[in-house]
Amino acid sequence: MHTALTLLSILAVLALGVMSPGPSFLLVARTAVCASRSAAVASALGMAAGATLLCIAALFGLHALFERIPELFVLLKLVGGAYLLYLAVRIWRGAGKPLALDGVPDEAQTGLARNALIGIGTMLSNPKAAVQYGVIFAAMLPQSPSTTLLFLLPPAVFLLEASWYVFVAFGLSAEQPRRLYLSAKTGIDRTVGVVLAALGLKLLWSSR
């Protein structure tokens, strides 16, 4: 039961970061708008694969560090809380800005395999994603996580990331959902900002 609750809690926090606008979102969005649904889905699955690799690296690297340096657990909770507050401020301040799809690489006309590889590369080269996984795992994993939890997290992360980006691929490749998202962007971003700020403050408080 404790393993299931921990898994769901981590996925809930990760979902907020996954859904916030960033390089991964912009690439899938641009591919959906400028190319085709199938190309955008390929990019989405590539993002999920890249995120899973980051998850595995962060998960087992941090677990080894916690075993050797228990004090690091508290320190990373402080860093995690501060990082979530930083993200909250960034998302809130950018909520009123239009979604700019220019500046994202013109990869729309490439093949599906190429789109998937570009998705993997975009995720792996995104420092925000790498820090996000490291910080959230550091803050929310038990100091001695169960083997079951360690094995469940990577496939769960893949499903989470793939579900969101495939949803974006389908949604923004259709005219009406695209307009609805753009019209509600400010409210969505500000809601995410408030929730991230609350989680950041909770982490800072729990590290006392």
N, C-alpha and C. Protein backbone atom coordinates (compact mmCIF):
# COMPACT_ATOMS: atom_id res chain seq x y z
N MET A 1 0.84 -1.21 0.00
CA MET A 1 0.00 0.00 0.00
C MET A 1 0.87 1.26 0.00
N HIS A 2 1.92 1.24 0.85
CA HIS A 2 2.82 2.40 0.91
C HIS A 2 3.52 2.61 -0.42
N THR A 3 3.92 1.52 -1.08
CA THR A 3 4.58 1.62 -2.39
C THR A 3 3.65 2.26 -3.41
N ALA A 4 2.38 1.82 -3.41
CA ALA A 4 1.41 2.37 -4.37
C ALA A 4 1.18 3.86 -4.13
N LEU A 5 1.06 4.26 -2.87
CA LEU A 5 0.84 5.67 -2.55
C LEU A 5 2.05 6.52 -2.95
N THR A 6 3.25 6.00 -2.69
CA THR A 6 4.46 6.74 -3.07
C THR A 6 4.53 6.88 -4.58
N LEU A 7 4.24 5.80 -5.30
CA LEU A 7 4.27 5.84 -6.77
C LEU A 7 3.29 6.86 -7.31
N LEU A 8 2.06 6.84 -6.80
CA LEU A 8 1.04 7.77 -7.28
C LEU A 8 1.40 9.22 -6.95
N SER A 9 1.98 9.44 -5.77
CA SER A 9 2.38 10.80 -5.38
C SER A 9 3.46 11.34 -6.31
N ILE A 10 4.46 10.51 -6.59
CA ILE A 10 5.55 10.94 -7.48
C ILE A 10 5.01 11.22 -8.88
N LEU A 11 4.14 10.34 -9.38
CA LEU A 11 3.58 10.54 -10.72
C LEU A 11 2.72 11.80 -10.79
N ALA A 12 2.01 12.10 -9.71
CA ALA A 12 1.17 13.30 -9.69
C ALA A 12 2.02 14.56 -9.80
N VAL A 13 3.16 14.60 -9.07
CA VAL A 13 4.04 15.77 -9.14
C VAL A 13 4.72 15.83 -10.51
N LEU A 14 5.18 14.68 -11.01
CA LEU A 14 5.82 14.65 -12.33
C LEU A 14 4.85 15.13 -13.41
N ALA A 15 3.58 14.77 -13.27
CA ALA A 15 2.59 15.15 -14.28
C ALA A 15 2.51 16.66 -14.43
N LEU A 16 2.63 17.39 -13.32
CA LEU A 16 2.58 18.85 -13.40
C LEU A 16 3.75 19.39 -14.20
N GLY A 17 4.94 18.82 -13.98
CA GLY A 17 6.10 19.25 -14.76
C GLY A 17 5.99 18.86 -16.22
N VAL A 18 5.49 17.64 -16.48
CA VAL A 18 5.34 17.17 -17.86
C VAL A 18 4.38 18.07 -18.64
N MET A 19 3.32 18.50 -17.98
CA MET A 19 2.30 19.29 -18.67
C MET A 19 2.66 20.76 -18.81
N SER A 20 3.70 21.22 -18.13
CA SER A 20 4.08 22.62 -18.26
C SER A 20 4.82 22.84 -19.59
N PRO A 21 4.61 23.97 -20.24
CA PRO A 21 5.25 24.22 -21.54
C PRO A 21 6.77 24.21 -21.44
N GLY A 22 7.41 23.64 -22.41
CA GLY A 22 8.87 23.57 -22.46
C GLY A 22 9.30 23.10 -23.83
N PRO A 23 10.59 22.81 -24.02
CA PRO A 23 11.08 22.38 -25.34
C PRO A 23 10.37 21.14 -25.88
N SER A 24 10.08 20.17 -25.01
CA SER A 24 9.42 18.94 -25.45
C SER A 24 8.01 19.23 -25.96
N PHE A 25 7.28 20.02 -25.19
CA PHE A 25 5.93 20.39 -25.59
C PHE A 25 5.95 21.13 -26.92
N LEU A 26 6.88 22.07 -27.05
CA LEU A 26 6.93 22.88 -28.27
C LEU A 26 7.25 22.05 -29.50
N LEU A 27 8.14 21.06 -29.34
CA LEU A 27 8.49 20.24 -30.49
C LEU A 27 7.30 19.40 -30.94
N VAL A 28 6.61 18.77 -29.99
CA VAL A 28 5.44 17.97 -30.34
C VAL A 28 4.35 18.87 -30.92
N ALA A 29 4.16 20.04 -30.30
CA ALA A 29 3.12 20.97 -30.79
C ALA A 29 3.43 21.44 -32.20
N ARG A 30 4.66 21.81 -32.45
CA ARG A 30 5.02 22.28 -33.80
C ARG A 30 4.84 21.17 -34.82
N THR A 31 5.25 19.95 -34.47
CA THR A 31 5.11 18.83 -35.40
C THR A 31 3.64 18.56 -35.69
N ALA A 32 2.80 18.66 -34.64
CA ALA A 32 1.36 18.43 -34.83
C ALA A 32 0.74 19.51 -35.71
N VAL A 33 1.17 20.77 -35.50
CA VAL A 33 0.59 21.88 -36.24
C VAL A 33 1.11 21.94 -37.67
N CYS A 34 2.41 21.70 -37.85
CA CYS A 34 3.04 21.93 -39.14
C CYS A 34 3.21 20.68 -40.00
N ALA A 35 3.12 19.49 -39.40
CA ALA A 35 3.35 18.28 -40.18
C ALA A 35 2.11 17.39 -40.15
N SER A 36 2.16 16.32 -39.40
CA SER A 36 1.04 15.37 -39.38
C SER A 36 0.87 14.80 -37.99
N ARG A 37 -0.28 14.18 -37.76
CA ARG A 37 -0.54 13.55 -36.48
C ARG A 37 0.43 12.40 -36.22
N SER A 38 0.69 11.59 -37.24
CA SER A 38 1.58 10.44 -37.05
C SER A 38 3.00 10.89 -36.71
N ALA A 39 3.47 11.96 -37.34
CA ALA A 39 4.80 12.48 -37.03
C ALA A 39 4.86 13.00 -35.59
N ALA A 40 3.79 13.66 -35.16
CA ALA A 40 3.74 14.18 -33.79
C ALA A 40 3.70 13.04 -32.77
N VAL A 41 2.97 11.97 -33.09
CA VAL A 41 2.91 10.81 -32.19
C VAL A 41 4.29 10.16 -32.08
N ALA A 42 5.01 10.07 -33.20
CA ALA A 42 6.37 9.52 -33.17
C ALA A 42 7.27 10.37 -32.28
N SER A 43 7.15 11.69 -32.39
CA SER A 43 7.92 12.58 -31.52
C SER A 43 7.53 12.38 -30.05
N ALA A 44 6.24 12.20 -29.81
CA ALA A 44 5.75 12.00 -28.44
C ALA A 44 6.33 10.74 -27.81
N LEU A 45 6.36 9.65 -28.58
CA LEU A 45 6.91 8.40 -28.05
C LEU A 45 8.41 8.52 -27.83
N GLY A 46 9.08 9.29 -28.69
CA GLY A 46 10.49 9.56 -28.48
C GLY A 46 10.73 10.32 -27.19
N MET A 47 9.88 11.33 -26.91
CA MET A 47 9.98 12.07 -25.64
C MET A 47 9.84 11.13 -24.45
N ALA A 48 8.86 10.22 -24.53
CA ALA A 48 8.63 9.29 -23.42
C ALA A 48 9.82 8.36 -23.22
N ALA A 49 10.43 7.90 -24.31
CA ALA A 49 11.60 7.03 -24.19
C ALA A 49 12.77 7.78 -23.56
N GLY A 50 12.98 9.03 -23.98
CA GLY A 50 14.05 9.84 -23.40
C GLY A 50 13.82 10.09 -21.92
N ALA A 51 12.58 10.38 -21.56
CA ALA A 51 12.26 10.62 -20.14
C ALA A 51 12.50 9.37 -19.31
N THR A 52 12.21 8.20 -19.87
CA THR A 52 12.43 6.95 -19.15
C THR A 52 13.92 6.73 -18.88
N LEU A 53 14.76 7.08 -19.85
CA LEU A 53 16.21 6.98 -19.64
C LEU A 53 16.67 7.92 -18.53
N LEU A 54 16.13 9.16 -18.52
CA LEU A 54 16.46 10.09 -17.44
C LEU A 54 15.99 9.56 -16.09
N CYS A 55 14.81 8.96 -16.09
CA CYS A 55 14.24 8.40 -14.87
C CYS A 55 15.16 7.33 -14.29
N ILE A 56 15.61 6.41 -15.14
CA ILE A 56 16.47 5.31 -14.68
C ILE A 56 17.79 5.86 -14.14
N ALA A 57 18.37 6.80 -14.86
CA ALA A 57 19.64 7.38 -14.42
C ALA A 57 19.49 8.08 -13.07
N ALA A 58 18.45 8.88 -12.94
CA ALA A 58 18.23 9.60 -11.68
C ALA A 58 17.89 8.66 -10.55
N LEU A 59 17.06 7.67 -10.83
CA LEU A 59 16.57 6.76 -9.81
C LEU A 59 17.69 5.98 -9.16
N PHE A 60 18.49 5.32 -9.95
CA PHE A 60 19.52 4.46 -9.39
C PHE A 60 20.75 5.25 -8.94
N GLY A 61 21.02 6.36 -9.58
CA GLY A 61 22.12 7.20 -9.12
C GLY A 61 21.84 7.79 -7.76
N LEU A 62 20.62 8.30 -7.57
CA LEU A 62 20.26 8.91 -6.30
C LEU A 62 20.17 7.87 -5.19
N HIS A 63 19.65 6.69 -5.52
CA HIS A 63 19.52 5.65 -4.51
C HIS A 63 20.89 5.28 -3.94
N ALA A 64 21.89 5.17 -4.83
CA ALA A 64 23.25 4.84 -4.39
C ALA A 64 23.82 5.95 -3.51
N LEU A 65 23.55 7.20 -3.89
CA LEU A 65 24.05 8.33 -3.10
C LEU A 65 23.42 8.37 -1.71
N PHE A 66 22.11 8.10 -1.64
CA PHE A 66 21.43 8.13 -0.35
C PHE A 66 21.98 7.07 0.60
N GLU A 67 22.35 5.92 0.04
CA GLU A 67 22.90 4.86 0.87
C GLU A 67 24.24 5.29 1.49
N ARG A 68 25.01 6.06 0.73
CA ARG A 68 26.35 6.46 1.20
C ARG A 68 26.31 7.77 2.00
N ILE A 69 25.41 8.70 1.61
CA ILE A 69 25.38 10.00 2.28
C ILE A 69 23.93 10.33 2.66
N PRO A 70 23.45 9.84 3.80
CA PRO A 70 22.04 10.08 4.20
C PRO A 70 21.69 11.56 4.31
N GLU A 71 22.68 12.40 4.69
CA GLU A 71 22.40 13.83 4.86
C GLU A 71 21.98 14.49 3.54
N LEU A 72 22.38 13.88 2.43
CA LEU A 72 22.04 14.43 1.12
C LEU A 72 20.54 14.43 0.89
N PHE A 73 19.85 13.51 1.55
CA PHE A 73 18.39 13.40 1.40
C PHE A 73 17.71 14.70 1.81
N VAL A 74 18.12 15.24 2.97
CA VAL A 74 17.53 16.49 3.46
C VAL A 74 17.93 17.66 2.59
N LEU A 75 19.19 17.71 2.18
CA LEU A 75 19.67 18.80 1.34
C LEU A 75 18.90 18.88 0.02
N LEU A 76 18.67 17.72 -0.59
CA LEU A 76 17.98 17.72 -1.88
C LEU A 76 16.50 18.04 -1.72
N LYS A 77 15.95 17.80 -0.55
CA LYS A 77 14.58 18.26 -0.31
C LYS A 77 14.52 19.79 -0.34
N LEU A 78 15.52 20.43 0.25
CA LEU A 78 15.58 21.89 0.21
C LEU A 78 15.73 22.39 -1.23
N VAL A 79 16.64 21.76 -1.96
CA VAL A 79 16.84 22.14 -3.37
C VAL A 79 15.56 21.90 -4.16
N GLY A 80 14.91 20.77 -3.90
CA GLY A 80 13.67 20.45 -4.62
C GLY A 80 12.57 21.47 -4.37
N GLY A 81 12.41 21.87 -3.12
CA GLY A 81 11.40 22.87 -2.81
C GLY A 81 11.68 24.19 -3.50
N ALA A 82 12.95 24.61 -3.47
CA ALA A 82 13.32 25.86 -4.13
C ALA A 82 13.12 25.78 -5.64
N TYR A 83 13.45 24.63 -6.23
CA TYR A 83 13.28 24.47 -7.67
C TYR A 83 11.80 24.52 -8.08
N LEU A 84 10.94 23.88 -7.29
CA LEU A 84 9.51 23.92 -7.60
C LEU A 84 8.97 25.35 -7.50
N LEU A 85 9.45 26.10 -6.53
CA LEU A 85 9.03 27.51 -6.42
C LEU A 85 9.51 28.31 -7.63
N TYR A 86 10.74 28.04 -8.07
CA TYR A 86 11.28 28.72 -9.26
C TYR A 86 10.43 28.41 -10.49
N LEU A 87 10.09 27.12 -10.66
CA LEU A 87 9.25 26.75 -11.80
C LEU A 87 7.88 27.44 -11.72
N ALA A 88 7.34 27.50 -10.51
CA ALA A 88 6.02 28.12 -10.34
C ALA A 88 6.04 29.59 -10.77
N VAL A 89 7.09 30.31 -10.37
CA VAL A 89 7.21 31.72 -10.74
C VAL A 89 7.37 31.87 -12.26
N ARG A 90 8.22 31.03 -12.86
CA ARG A 90 8.44 31.10 -14.30
C ARG A 90 7.16 30.84 -15.09
N ILE A 91 6.42 29.80 -14.67
CA ILE A 91 5.18 29.44 -15.37
C ILE A 91 4.13 30.54 -15.19
N TRP A 92 4.02 31.08 -13.96
CA TRP A 92 3.03 32.15 -13.71
C TRP A 92 3.35 33.38 -14.55
N ARG A 93 4.62 33.78 -14.59
CA ARG A 93 5.01 34.99 -15.33
C ARG A 93 4.81 34.81 -16.84
N GLY A 94 4.95 33.58 -17.32
CA GLY A 94 4.80 33.35 -18.75
C GLY A 94 3.40 32.96 -19.17
N ALA A 95 2.47 32.92 -18.21
CA ALA A 95 1.12 32.44 -18.52
C ALA A 95 0.41 33.30 -19.55
N GLY A 96 0.64 34.60 -19.49
CA GLY A 96 -0.06 35.49 -20.42
C GLY A 96 0.58 35.61 -21.78
N LYS A 97 1.73 35.00 -21.96
CA LYS A 97 2.42 35.11 -23.25
C LYS A 97 1.86 34.08 -24.23
N PRO A 98 1.74 34.43 -25.50
CA PRO A 98 1.25 33.46 -26.49
C PRO A 98 2.23 32.32 -26.67
N LEU A 99 1.72 31.16 -27.07
CA LEU A 99 2.57 30.01 -27.32
C LEU A 99 3.34 30.23 -28.62
N ALA A 100 4.65 30.42 -28.50
CA ALA A 100 5.48 30.72 -29.67
C ALA A 100 6.05 29.42 -30.22
N LEU A 101 5.63 29.04 -31.41
CA LEU A 101 6.13 27.82 -32.03
C LEU A 101 7.32 28.09 -32.93
N ASP A 102 7.64 29.36 -33.14
CA ASP A 102 8.81 29.63 -33.94
C ASP A 102 10.06 29.42 -33.09
N GLY A 103 11.15 29.09 -33.73
CA GLY A 103 12.37 28.81 -33.01
C GLY A 103 12.54 27.34 -32.68
N VAL A 104 11.47 26.54 -32.86
CA VAL A 104 11.56 25.10 -32.68
C VAL A 104 12.07 24.51 -33.97
N PRO A 105 12.98 23.53 -33.95
CA PRO A 105 13.57 23.02 -35.17
C PRO A 105 12.55 22.57 -36.21
N ASP A 106 12.83 22.82 -37.46
CA ASP A 106 11.95 22.42 -38.56
C ASP A 106 12.20 20.95 -38.89
N GLU A 107 11.59 20.07 -38.09
CA GLU A 107 11.78 18.64 -38.29
C GLU A 107 10.50 17.99 -38.80
N ALA A 108 9.57 18.82 -39.23
CA ALA A 108 8.24 18.31 -39.54
C ALA A 108 8.23 17.36 -40.74
N GLN A 109 9.14 17.56 -41.68
CA GLN A 109 9.07 16.80 -42.91
C GLN A 109 9.92 15.53 -42.88
N THR A 110 10.53 15.21 -41.75
CA THR A 110 11.36 14.01 -41.67
C THR A 110 10.51 12.78 -41.44
N GLY A 111 11.12 11.57 -41.56
CA GLY A 111 10.38 10.34 -41.37
C GLY A 111 10.02 10.10 -39.92
N LEU A 112 9.17 9.08 -39.68
CA LEU A 112 8.69 8.82 -38.33
C LEU A 112 9.82 8.40 -37.39
N ALA A 113 10.72 7.55 -37.87
CA ALA A 113 11.85 7.13 -37.03
C ALA A 113 12.70 8.33 -36.65
N ARG A 114 12.91 9.21 -37.61
CA ARG A 114 13.70 10.42 -37.35
C ARG A 114 13.00 11.30 -36.33
N ASN A 115 11.68 11.43 -36.45
CA ASN A 115 10.93 12.22 -35.47
C ASN A 115 11.06 11.64 -34.07
N ALA A 116 11.04 10.31 -33.97
CA ALA A 116 11.18 9.66 -32.67
C ALA A 116 12.58 9.92 -32.09
N LEU A 117 13.61 9.82 -32.92
CA LEU A 117 14.97 10.07 -32.46
C LEU A 117 15.16 11.53 -32.03
N ILE A 118 14.53 12.43 -32.76
CA ILE A 118 14.60 13.85 -32.38
C ILE A 118 13.91 14.06 -31.03
N GLY A 119 12.79 13.34 -30.81
CA GLY A 119 12.12 13.43 -29.51
C GLY A 119 13.00 12.96 -28.38
N ILE A 120 13.69 11.82 -28.58
CA ILE A 120 14.60 11.31 -27.56
C ILE A 120 15.71 12.33 -27.28
N GLY A 121 16.31 12.84 -28.37
CA GLY A 121 17.41 13.80 -28.21
C GLY A 121 16.98 15.08 -27.52
N THR A 122 15.77 15.55 -27.85
CA THR A 122 15.26 16.77 -27.22
C THR A 122 15.09 16.57 -25.72
N MET A 123 14.54 15.43 -25.33
CA MET A 123 14.33 15.17 -23.90
C MET A 123 15.66 15.02 -23.16
N LEU A 124 16.59 14.27 -23.75
CA LEU A 124 17.86 14.03 -23.07
C LEU A 124 18.71 15.29 -22.97
N SER A 125 18.52 16.21 -23.91
CA SER A 125 19.34 17.43 -23.90
C SER A 125 18.69 18.57 -23.13
N ASN A 126 17.52 18.30 -22.54
CA ASN A 126 16.78 19.33 -21.80
C ASN A 126 17.21 19.33 -20.34
N PRO A 127 18.01 20.29 -19.89
CA PRO A 127 18.47 20.28 -18.49
C PRO A 127 17.33 20.37 -17.49
N LYS A 128 16.24 21.04 -17.87
CA LYS A 128 15.11 21.14 -16.95
C LYS A 128 14.54 19.76 -16.64
N ALA A 129 14.44 18.91 -17.65
CA ALA A 129 13.89 17.58 -17.45
C ALA A 129 14.81 16.74 -16.56
N ALA A 130 16.11 16.83 -16.82
CA ALA A 130 17.07 16.06 -16.03
C ALA A 130 17.03 16.48 -14.56
N VAL A 131 17.02 17.79 -14.33
CA VAL A 131 16.96 18.30 -12.95
C VAL A 131 15.63 17.93 -12.31
N GLN A 132 14.56 18.01 -13.09
CA GLN A 132 13.23 17.71 -12.56
C GLN A 132 13.17 16.29 -12.01
N TYR A 133 13.64 15.32 -12.79
CA TYR A 133 13.59 13.94 -12.31
C TYR A 133 14.49 13.75 -11.09
N GLY A 134 15.69 14.29 -11.15
CA GLY A 134 16.60 14.15 -10.01
C GLY A 134 16.04 14.75 -8.74
N VAL A 135 15.50 15.96 -8.86
CA VAL A 135 15.02 16.68 -7.68
C VAL A 135 13.76 16.02 -7.11
N ILE A 136 12.82 15.68 -7.96
CA ILE A 136 11.56 15.09 -7.48
C ILE A 136 11.81 13.73 -6.84
N PHE A 137 12.65 12.92 -7.46
CA PHE A 137 12.96 11.62 -6.85
C PHE A 137 13.68 11.82 -5.52
N ALA A 138 14.60 12.77 -5.49
CA ALA A 138 15.33 13.03 -4.24
C ALA A 138 14.38 13.45 -3.13
N ALA A 139 13.42 14.27 -3.48
CA ALA A 139 12.51 14.82 -2.48
C ALA A 139 11.43 13.84 -2.04
N MET A 140 10.99 12.96 -2.93
CA MET A 140 9.79 12.18 -2.67
C MET A 140 10.01 10.68 -2.49
N LEU A 141 11.16 10.17 -2.93
CA LEU A 141 11.43 8.75 -2.70
C LEU A 141 11.74 8.50 -1.23
N PRO A 142 11.30 7.37 -0.69
CA PRO A 142 11.75 6.99 0.65
C PRO A 142 13.27 6.82 0.65
N GLN A 143 13.87 6.95 1.81
CA GLN A 143 15.33 6.82 1.87
C GLN A 143 15.79 5.42 1.47
N SER A 144 14.96 4.41 1.73
CA SER A 144 15.25 3.04 1.29
C SER A 144 14.04 2.51 0.52
N PRO A 145 13.90 2.90 -0.75
CA PRO A 145 12.73 2.50 -1.54
C PRO A 145 12.70 1.00 -1.79
N SER A 146 11.50 0.45 -1.90
CA SER A 146 11.36 -0.99 -2.14
C SER A 146 11.79 -1.33 -3.56
N THR A 147 12.16 -2.59 -3.76
CA THR A 147 12.54 -3.06 -5.10
C THR A 147 11.37 -2.91 -6.06
N THR A 148 10.17 -3.17 -5.57
CA THR A 148 8.97 -3.04 -6.41
C THR A 148 8.83 -1.62 -6.94
N LEU A 149 9.02 -0.64 -6.06
CA LEU A 149 8.92 0.76 -6.47
C LEU A 149 9.97 1.11 -7.52
N LEU A 150 11.19 0.64 -7.32
CA LEU A 150 12.28 0.93 -8.26
C LEU A 150 12.00 0.36 -9.64
N PHE A 151 11.35 -0.80 -9.69
CA PHE A 151 11.06 -1.41 -10.98
C PHE A 151 9.80 -0.85 -11.63
N LEU A 152 8.86 -0.35 -10.82
CA LEU A 152 7.61 0.18 -11.37
C LEU A 152 7.76 1.60 -11.94
N LEU A 153 8.66 2.38 -11.37
CA LEU A 153 8.76 3.79 -11.76
C LEU A 153 9.10 4.00 -13.25
N PRO A 154 10.12 3.34 -13.81
CA PRO A 154 10.45 3.60 -15.23
C PRO A 154 9.29 3.35 -16.20
N PRO A 155 8.60 2.18 -16.16
CA PRO A 155 7.47 2.01 -17.08
C PRO A 155 6.32 2.98 -16.78
N ALA A 156 6.14 3.33 -15.51
CA ALA A 156 5.09 4.30 -15.17
C ALA A 156 5.41 5.67 -15.75
N VAL A 157 6.68 6.06 -15.70
CA VAL A 157 7.10 7.33 -16.28
C VAL A 157 6.89 7.32 -17.80
N PHE A 158 7.22 6.21 -18.43
CA PHE A 158 7.00 6.12 -19.89
C PHE A 158 5.53 6.32 -20.22
N LEU A 159 4.65 5.63 -19.49
CA LEU A 159 3.20 5.76 -19.75
C LEU A 159 2.71 7.17 -19.51
N LEU A 160 3.21 7.80 -18.43
CA LEU A 160 2.81 9.18 -18.13
C LEU A 160 3.22 10.13 -19.23
N GLU A 161 4.50 10.10 -19.60
CA GLU A 161 5.00 11.02 -20.63
C GLU A 161 4.35 10.74 -21.98
N ALA A 162 4.25 9.46 -22.35
CA ALA A 162 3.66 9.11 -23.63
C ALA A 162 2.20 9.54 -23.70
N SER A 163 1.45 9.32 -22.62
CA SER A 163 0.03 9.69 -22.61
C SER A 163 -0.15 11.18 -22.86
N TRP A 164 0.65 12.01 -22.15
CA TRP A 164 0.50 13.45 -22.30
C TRP A 164 0.88 13.93 -23.69
N TYR A 165 2.04 13.51 -24.17
CA TYR A 165 2.50 14.02 -25.46
C TYR A 165 1.70 13.45 -26.63
N VAL A 166 1.20 12.22 -26.51
CA VAL A 166 0.30 11.70 -27.55
C VAL A 166 -1.01 12.49 -27.53
N PHE A 167 -1.48 12.84 -26.33
CA PHE A 167 -2.68 13.69 -26.23
C PHE A 167 -2.46 15.03 -26.91
N VAL A 168 -1.28 15.63 -26.67
CA VAL A 168 -0.94 16.90 -27.32
C VAL A 168 -0.89 16.71 -28.84
N ALA A 169 -0.30 15.61 -29.29
CA ALA A 169 -0.19 15.34 -30.72
C ALA A 169 -1.56 15.25 -31.37
N PHE A 170 -2.48 14.54 -30.73
CA PHE A 170 -3.82 14.40 -31.29
C PHE A 170 -4.59 15.72 -31.18
N GLY A 171 -4.45 16.37 -30.01
CA GLY A 171 -5.22 17.59 -29.79
C GLY A 171 -4.84 18.72 -30.71
N LEU A 172 -3.53 18.98 -30.85
CA LEU A 172 -3.10 20.14 -31.63
C LEU A 172 -3.03 19.86 -33.13
N SER A 173 -3.30 18.61 -33.52
CA SER A 173 -3.41 18.33 -34.95
C SER A 173 -4.85 18.49 -35.43
N ALA A 174 -5.77 18.80 -34.49
CA ALA A 174 -7.16 19.08 -34.82
C ALA A 174 -7.45 20.55 -34.55
N GLU A 175 -8.22 21.18 -35.40
CA GLU A 175 -8.41 22.63 -35.36
C GLU A 175 -9.10 23.10 -34.09
N GLN A 176 -10.23 22.49 -33.72
CA GLN A 176 -11.01 22.99 -32.59
C GLN A 176 -10.28 22.84 -31.25
N PRO A 177 -9.72 21.65 -30.93
CA PRO A 177 -8.96 21.56 -29.67
C PRO A 177 -7.78 22.52 -29.61
N ARG A 178 -7.15 22.75 -30.75
CA ARG A 178 -6.02 23.69 -30.78
C ARG A 178 -6.47 25.07 -30.36
N ARG A 179 -7.60 25.51 -30.88
CA ARG A 179 -8.10 26.84 -30.51
C ARG A 179 -8.50 26.89 -29.03
N LEU A 180 -9.12 25.81 -28.54
CA LEU A 180 -9.53 25.78 -27.14
C LEU A 180 -8.33 25.86 -26.20
N TYR A 181 -7.27 25.13 -26.52
CA TYR A 181 -6.08 25.17 -25.67
C TYR A 181 -5.48 26.57 -25.64
N LEU A 182 -5.33 27.17 -26.81
CA LEU A 182 -4.71 28.49 -26.88
C LEU A 182 -5.53 29.53 -26.13
N SER A 183 -6.86 29.37 -26.16
CA SER A 183 -7.71 30.35 -25.47
C SER A 183 -7.66 30.17 -23.95
N ALA A 184 -7.36 28.94 -23.48
CA ALA A 184 -7.34 28.67 -22.04
C ALA A 184 -5.93 28.62 -21.48
N LYS A 185 -4.92 28.93 -22.28
CA LYS A 185 -3.53 28.76 -21.86
C LYS A 185 -3.20 29.52 -20.58
N THR A 186 -3.65 30.77 -20.47
CA THR A 186 -3.31 31.58 -19.31
C THR A 186 -3.82 30.94 -18.02
N GLY A 187 -5.07 30.53 -18.00
CA GLY A 187 -5.65 29.90 -16.81
C GLY A 187 -4.98 28.59 -16.47
N ILE A 188 -4.68 27.77 -17.48
CA ILE A 188 -4.02 26.49 -17.24
C ILE A 188 -2.64 26.70 -16.63
N ASP A 189 -1.85 27.59 -17.22
CA ASP A 189 -0.49 27.82 -16.73
C ASP A 189 -0.49 28.38 -15.32
N ARG A 190 -1.41 29.28 -15.01
CA ARG A 190 -1.43 29.87 -13.67
C ARG A 190 -1.89 28.86 -12.62
N THR A 191 -2.78 27.97 -12.98
CA THR A 191 -3.19 26.91 -12.06
C THR A 191 -2.01 25.99 -11.76
N VAL A 192 -1.27 25.61 -12.80
CA VAL A 192 -0.07 24.77 -12.61
C VAL A 192 0.94 25.50 -11.72
N GLY A 193 1.11 26.81 -11.94
CA GLY A 193 2.05 27.59 -11.13
C GLY A 193 1.69 27.58 -9.66
N VAL A 194 0.41 27.74 -9.35
CA VAL A 194 -0.04 27.75 -7.95
C VAL A 194 0.21 26.39 -7.30
N VAL A 195 -0.12 25.32 -8.01
CA VAL A 195 0.06 23.98 -7.45
C VAL A 195 1.54 23.68 -7.20
N LEU A 196 2.40 24.04 -8.16
CA LEU A 196 3.84 23.83 -7.99
C LEU A 196 4.38 24.62 -6.80
N ALA A 197 3.91 25.84 -6.63
CA ALA A 197 4.35 26.66 -5.49
C ALA A 197 3.95 26.00 -4.17
N ALA A 198 2.73 25.49 -4.10
CA ALA A 198 2.27 24.83 -2.88
C ALA A 198 3.12 23.59 -2.57
N LEU A 199 3.45 22.82 -3.61
CA LEU A 199 4.28 21.63 -3.42
C LEU A 199 5.69 22.01 -2.98
N GLY A 200 6.22 23.09 -3.55
CA GLY A 200 7.55 23.55 -3.17
C GLY A 200 7.61 23.96 -1.71
N LEU A 201 6.60 24.70 -1.27
CA LEU A 201 6.55 25.12 0.14
C LEU A 201 6.41 23.92 1.07
N LYS A 202 5.64 22.92 0.63
CA LYS A 202 5.49 21.72 1.46
C LYS A 202 6.82 20.98 1.61
N LEU A 203 7.58 20.88 0.52
CA LEU A 203 8.88 20.22 0.59
C LEU A 203 9.83 20.98 1.52
N LEU A 204 9.85 22.31 1.40
CA LEU A 204 10.71 23.10 2.28
C LEU A 204 10.33 22.90 3.74
N TRP A 205 9.04 22.86 4.02
CA TRP A 205 8.58 22.68 5.40
C TRP A 205 8.96 21.30 5.93
N SER A 206 8.84 20.27 5.08
CA SER A 206 9.11 18.90 5.52
C SER A 206 10.59 18.64 5.74
N SER A 207 11.46 19.50 5.21
CA SER A 207 12.90 19.28 5.36
C SER A 207 13.44 19.87 6.66
N ARG A 208 12.58 20.51 7.46
CA ARG A 208 13.06 21.13 8.70
C ARG A 208 13.64 20.09 9.65
